[in-house]
Protein backbone atom coordinates (compact mmCIF):
# COMPACT_ATOMS: atom_id res chain seq x y z
CA MET A 1 -17.19 55.01 -20.96
CA ASN A 2 -14.38 57.27 -22.63
CA ASN A 3 -15.19 59.80 -19.74
CA LEU A 4 -14.61 57.06 -17.24
CA LYS A 5 -11.49 56.08 -18.96
CA LYS A 6 -10.05 59.56 -18.85
CA ILE A 7 -10.83 60.12 -15.20
CA LEU A 8 -9.45 56.52 -14.22
CA GLY A 9 -6.34 57.31 -16.12
CA LEU A 10 -6.05 60.49 -14.13
CA VAL A 11 -6.16 58.15 -11.06
CA TRP A 12 -3.50 56.06 -12.05
CA MET A 13 -1.10 58.98 -12.72
CA VAL A 14 -2.02 60.05 -9.32
CA VAL A 15 -1.98 56.83 -7.55
CA ALA A 16 1.49 55.35 -9.00
CA PRO A 17 3.72 58.26 -7.40
CA LEU A 18 1.97 57.67 -4.05
CA VAL A 19 2.48 54.26 -3.79
CA ILE A 20 6.49 54.78 -4.55
CA ILE A 21 6.43 57.57 -2.03
CA THR A 22 4.77 55.58 0.60
CA LEU A 23 6.81 52.75 -0.02
CA VAL A 24 10.12 54.98 0.52
CA LEU A 25 8.65 56.62 3.66
CA GLY A 26 7.74 53.14 4.94
CA ALA A 27 11.41 51.91 4.21
CA ILE A 28 12.95 55.10 5.87
CA THR A 29 10.48 54.61 8.99
CA TYR A 30 11.01 50.86 9.35
CA ILE A 31 14.66 50.23 8.37
CA ASP A 32 16.54 49.88 11.86
CA SER A 33 19.88 48.28 12.29
CA ASN A 34 18.81 47.21 15.86
CA GLY A 35 15.65 45.31 14.40
CA LYS A 36 15.40 41.62 14.65
CA LYS A 37 12.25 41.33 12.25
CA ASP A 38 12.20 41.22 8.68
CA ILE A 39 10.70 44.75 8.34
CA ASN A 40 13.80 46.29 9.94
CA ASN A 41 16.16 44.73 6.86
CA PRO A 42 17.22 47.08 4.17
CA ILE A 43 17.50 44.28 1.72
CA ILE A 44 13.69 43.39 1.90
CA TRP A 45 12.87 47.04 1.08
CA ILE A 46 15.36 47.33 -1.38
CA ILE A 47 13.67 44.31 -3.16
CA ILE A 48 10.22 45.46 -2.76
CA ILE A 49 10.90 48.96 -4.06
CA SER A 50 12.74 47.83 -6.88
CA ILE A 51 9.88 45.49 -8.11
CA PHE A 52 7.10 48.13 -7.48
CA THR A 53 8.95 51.15 -9.23
CA PRO A 54 8.57 49.79 -12.63
CA ILE A 55 5.07 48.63 -11.97
CA ALA A 56 4.29 51.88 -11.01
CA ILE A 57 5.79 53.79 -14.01
CA GLY A 58 4.04 51.48 -16.41
CA LEU A 59 0.89 52.37 -14.23
CA MET A 60 1.41 55.87 -15.18
CA ILE A 61 2.19 55.36 -18.69
CA PHE A 62 -1.04 53.26 -18.97
CA GLY A 63 -2.70 56.30 -17.17
CA TRP A 64 -1.23 58.92 -19.43
CA TYR A 65 -2.36 57.01 -22.45
CA ALA A 66 -5.91 56.54 -21.17
CA PHE A 67 -6.39 60.33 -20.35
CA LYS A 68 -5.09 61.37 -23.92
CA ASP A 69 -7.76 59.02 -25.22
CA ASP A 70 -5.60 56.89 -26.89
CA TYR A 71 -7.68 54.01 -26.00
CA GLN A 72 -10.81 55.50 -27.33
CA LYS A 73 -11.16 52.92 -30.49
CA LEU A 74 -9.53 49.62 -30.01
CA PRO A 75 -9.09 47.33 -33.03
CA ASP A 76 -11.54 44.55 -33.01
CA SER A 77 -8.85 42.13 -34.92
CA SER A 78 -5.45 42.15 -36.03
CA ILE A 79 -6.71 43.23 -39.72
CA GLU A 80 -7.64 46.72 -38.29
CA ILE A 81 -4.11 47.19 -37.16
CA THR A 82 -2.12 49.43 -39.49
CA ASN A 83 1.41 50.86 -39.28
């Protein structure tokens, strides 16, 4: 199970930047001042990218900790947590 966590951690670290790159490239492709549809509006793209960027950063951080085996032993209760 720990090997699966490491592999998925690596997958999350690769997928997160790819999602942001895909969104930015989609924005560059579809933003058009002459377009009449919602997909051509730059405000929509700014909102979408600004919402998904922190999610992707969090996914990268989660993947990094999973890759480093920080989730190898999770506490069963709050009594096991020490500072």
